[in-house]
């Protein structure tokens, strides 16, 4: 029985024409070989992202060109929201802009969104631009700008780190008298 099912599936596979060549991009988008790579339907460009961020009043917007450091994107945009609600609103506004841009098309391509449930740090991957929307505390804690820019923070000795690296000898705080051997 199993061999007959396998042979039917094999003959059906061989008799049907192969589907058009498709490959999955690391961003979650599927691009077929018949579509031109110059058409970027649904992918927001940097100007559109900056306009949406200014419309929703995102604080401390920083655009970092990373095209020479990585292959998967051209720009990292880091924006701060005043609360988790504001951070979620930033993500929703960007997704809404993508949907408006694609109005009337037969297939909707949406950007990848991560962290929408928590709301502290939301990443919107729209192809050539990746937007990090963080609340104020998360932005200070993670300090993403230092990862993607060549600016180095001034070398300040970290006293806690130096203290933890010092080799200290344990003291014997027990009240027992040591026996000599």
Protein backbone atom coordinates (compact mmCIF):
# COMPACT_ATOMS: atom_id res chain seq x y z
CA UNK A 1 0.00 0.00 0.00
CA UNK A 2 2.74 2.40 0.94
CA UNK A 3 4.70 1.62 -2.21
CA UNK A 4 1.65 2.30 -4.41
CA UNK A 5 1.12 5.69 -2.75
CA UNK A 6 4.78 6.50 -3.19
CA UNK A 7 4.70 5.57 -6.89
CA UNK A 8 1.52 7.65 -7.46
CA UNK A 9 3.10 10.65 -5.80
CA UNK A 10 6.28 10.20 -7.83
CA UNK A 11 4.40 9.98 -11.15
CA UNK A 12 2.29 13.01 -10.24
CA UNK A 13 5.42 14.92 -9.36
CA UNK A 14 7.18 13.99 -12.59
CA UNK A 15 4.18 14.65 -14.85
CA UNK A 16 3.39 18.15 -13.52
CA UNK A 17 5.49 21.09 -14.70
CA UNK A 18 7.89 22.41 -12.09
CA UNK A 19 6.74 25.50 -10.19
CA UNK A 20 8.56 28.78 -10.88
CA UNK A 21 11.83 29.06 -9.03
CA UNK A 22 11.30 30.65 -5.63
CA UNK A 23 13.62 31.30 -2.78
CA UNK A 24 13.01 32.62 0.67
CA UNK A 25 14.82 35.77 1.65
CA UNK A 26 16.12 36.05 5.22
CA UNK A 27 13.53 38.74 5.89
CA UNK A 28 10.54 36.45 5.48
CA UNK A 29 9.64 37.73 2.01
CA UNK A 30 9.34 35.33 -0.90
CA UNK A 31 10.68 36.55 -4.21
CA UNK A 32 10.14 34.58 -7.40
CA UNK A 33 12.54 34.54 -10.31
CA UNK A 34 9.95 36.10 -12.61
CA UNK A 35 9.69 39.31 -10.57
CA UNK A 36 12.30 41.96 -11.05
CA UNK A 37 14.50 42.79 -8.10
CA UNK A 38 14.14 46.51 -8.74
CA UNK A 39 10.46 46.55 -7.80
CA UNK A 40 10.22 47.00 -4.05
CA UNK A 41 6.48 46.89 -3.57
CA UNK A 42 5.55 47.06 0.07
CA UNK A 43 9.03 47.76 1.34
CA UNK A 44 9.32 51.14 2.99
CA UNK A 45 12.22 53.35 2.04
CA UNK A 46 14.09 55.58 4.46
CA UNK A 47 12.13 58.76 3.68
CA UNK A 48 8.80 57.08 4.32
CA UNK A 49 10.02 55.62 7.61
CA UNK A 50 11.30 59.01 8.79
CA UNK A 51 7.98 60.67 7.88
CA UNK A 52 5.94 58.05 9.77
CA UNK A 53 8.20 58.36 12.81
CA UNK A 54 7.83 62.14 12.83
CA UNK A 55 4.05 61.83 12.43
CA UNK A 56 3.73 59.57 15.49
CA UNK A 57 6.15 61.81 17.41
CA UNK A 58 8.85 59.21 18.09
CA UNK A 59 11.63 60.63 20.22
CA UNK A 60 15.36 60.59 19.53
CA UNK A 61 15.23 59.07 16.04
CA UNK A 62 18.66 57.99 14.84
CA UNK A 63 19.41 56.67 11.34
CA UNK A 64 22.51 54.51 11.06
CA UNK A 65 23.76 53.46 7.60
CA UNK A 66 24.92 49.85 7.93
CA UNK A 67 25.19 48.82 4.29
CA UNK A 68 28.96 48.36 4.56
CA UNK A 69 28.68 46.31 7.77
CA UNK A 70 25.96 43.82 6.80
CA UNK A 71 24.34 42.36 3.70
CA UNK A 72 20.70 42.09 4.77
CA UNK A 73 19.83 45.79 5.18
CA UNK A 74 21.00 49.27 4.33
CA UNK A 75 19.77 51.30 7.31
CA UNK A 76 19.04 50.76 10.99
CA UNK A 77 16.63 53.27 12.46
CA UNK A 78 16.43 53.49 16.23
CA UNK A 79 13.51 55.39 17.75
CA UNK A 80 12.31 55.89 21.30
CA UNK A 81 8.73 55.74 22.52
CA UNK A 82 7.57 57.33 25.76
CA UNK A 83 5.62 54.24 26.90
CA UNK A 84 4.89 50.69 25.79
CA UNK A 85 1.68 51.96 24.20
CA UNK A 86 3.65 54.55 22.21
CA UNK A 87 6.18 51.93 21.08
CA UNK A 88 3.35 49.67 19.86
CA UNK A 89 1.76 52.66 18.13
CA UNK A 90 5.02 53.33 16.25
CA UNK A 91 5.01 49.74 14.96
CA UNK A 92 1.31 49.92 14.01
CA UNK A 93 1.86 53.18 12.11
CA UNK A 94 4.68 51.63 10.05
CA UNK A 95 2.59 48.54 9.24
CA UNK A 96 -0.34 50.78 8.29
CA UNK A 97 1.91 52.75 5.92
CA UNK A 98 2.97 49.50 4.21
CA UNK A 99 -0.66 48.47 3.80
CA UNK A 100 -1.55 51.87 2.33
CA UNK A 101 1.34 51.65 -0.10
CA UNK A 102 0.13 48.25 -1.34
CA UNK A 103 -3.55 49.15 -1.63
CA UNK A 104 -5.04 47.49 -4.70
CA UNK A 105 -2.30 44.90 -5.20
CA UNK A 106 -3.27 41.24 -5.41
CA UNK A 107 -0.81 40.10 -2.74
CA UNK A 108 0.10 41.90 0.45
CA UNK A 109 3.71 41.75 1.67
CA UNK A 110 3.99 42.85 5.28
CA UNK A 111 7.21 43.54 7.15
CA UNK A 112 8.37 41.15 9.83
CA UNK A 113 7.51 42.39 13.32
CA UNK A 114 9.01 41.01 16.52
CA UNK A 115 8.31 41.98 20.13
CA UNK A 116 4.83 43.42 19.58
CA UNK A 117 3.38 41.61 22.60
CA UNK A 118 5.85 42.98 25.15
CA UNK A 119 6.06 46.48 23.77
CA UNK A 120 9.42 47.34 25.32
CA UNK A 121 11.43 46.68 22.14
CA UNK A 122 9.76 46.14 18.76
CA UNK A 123 11.73 45.38 15.60
CA UNK A 124 10.11 46.11 12.22
CA UNK A 125 12.03 44.61 9.32
CA UNK A 126 10.89 46.23 6.08
CA UNK A 127 13.74 45.09 3.85
CA UNK A 128 16.21 47.88 3.26
CA UNK A 129 15.30 49.60 6.53
CA UNK A 130 15.09 47.91 9.93
CA UNK A 131 13.36 49.96 12.63
CA UNK A 132 14.01 49.39 16.32
CA UNK A 133 11.33 51.03 18.46
CA UNK A 134 12.27 50.95 22.14
CA UNK A 135 10.97 52.52 25.30
CA UNK A 136 13.30 54.90 27.12
CA UNK A 137 14.67 52.44 29.69
CA UNK A 138 15.27 49.69 27.13
CA UNK A 139 17.10 52.09 24.81
CA UNK A 140 19.46 53.14 27.56
CA UNK A 141 20.00 49.54 28.71
CA UNK A 142 20.68 47.95 25.30
CA UNK A 143 22.55 50.92 23.76
CA UNK A 144 22.14 49.71 20.16
CA UNK A 145 23.92 52.72 18.71
CA UNK A 146 27.25 51.54 20.09
CA UNK A 147 26.83 48.19 18.28
CA UNK A 148 26.27 49.71 14.84
CA UNK A 149 28.43 52.84 14.92
CA UNK A 150 32.15 53.24 15.07
CA UNK A 151 31.90 55.74 17.90
CA UNK A 152 33.46 54.27 20.98
CA UNK A 153 32.49 55.34 24.44
CA UNK A 154 35.27 57.01 26.40
CA UNK A 155 37.46 54.56 28.25
CA UNK A 156 36.34 54.89 31.83
CA UNK A 157 37.68 52.30 34.24
CA UNK A 158 34.89 50.18 35.57
CA UNK A 159 35.63 49.79 39.25
CA UNK A 160 33.18 46.94 39.75
CA UNK A 161 34.80 44.97 36.93
CA UNK A 162 38.30 45.58 38.23
CA UNK A 163 37.21 44.59 41.73
CA UNK A 164 35.68 41.35 40.47
CA UNK A 165 38.87 40.44 38.60
CA UNK A 166 41.10 40.89 41.66
CA UNK A 167 42.20 37.65 43.14
CA UNK A 168 41.33 37.53 46.79
CA UNK A 169 42.20 34.91 49.34
CA UNK A 170 39.34 33.47 51.29
CA UNK A 171 39.46 34.05 55.01
CA UNK A 172 38.72 31.26 57.39
CA UNK A 173 35.83 32.60 59.42
CA UNK A 174 35.08 29.40 61.23
CA UNK A 175 35.45 29.21 64.97
CA UNK A 176 36.95 25.74 64.81
CA UNK A 177 40.56 25.27 65.64
CA UNK A 178 42.59 23.83 62.82
CA UNK A 179 44.30 20.53 63.52
CA UNK A 180 47.88 20.20 62.54
CA UNK A 181 48.83 17.03 60.76
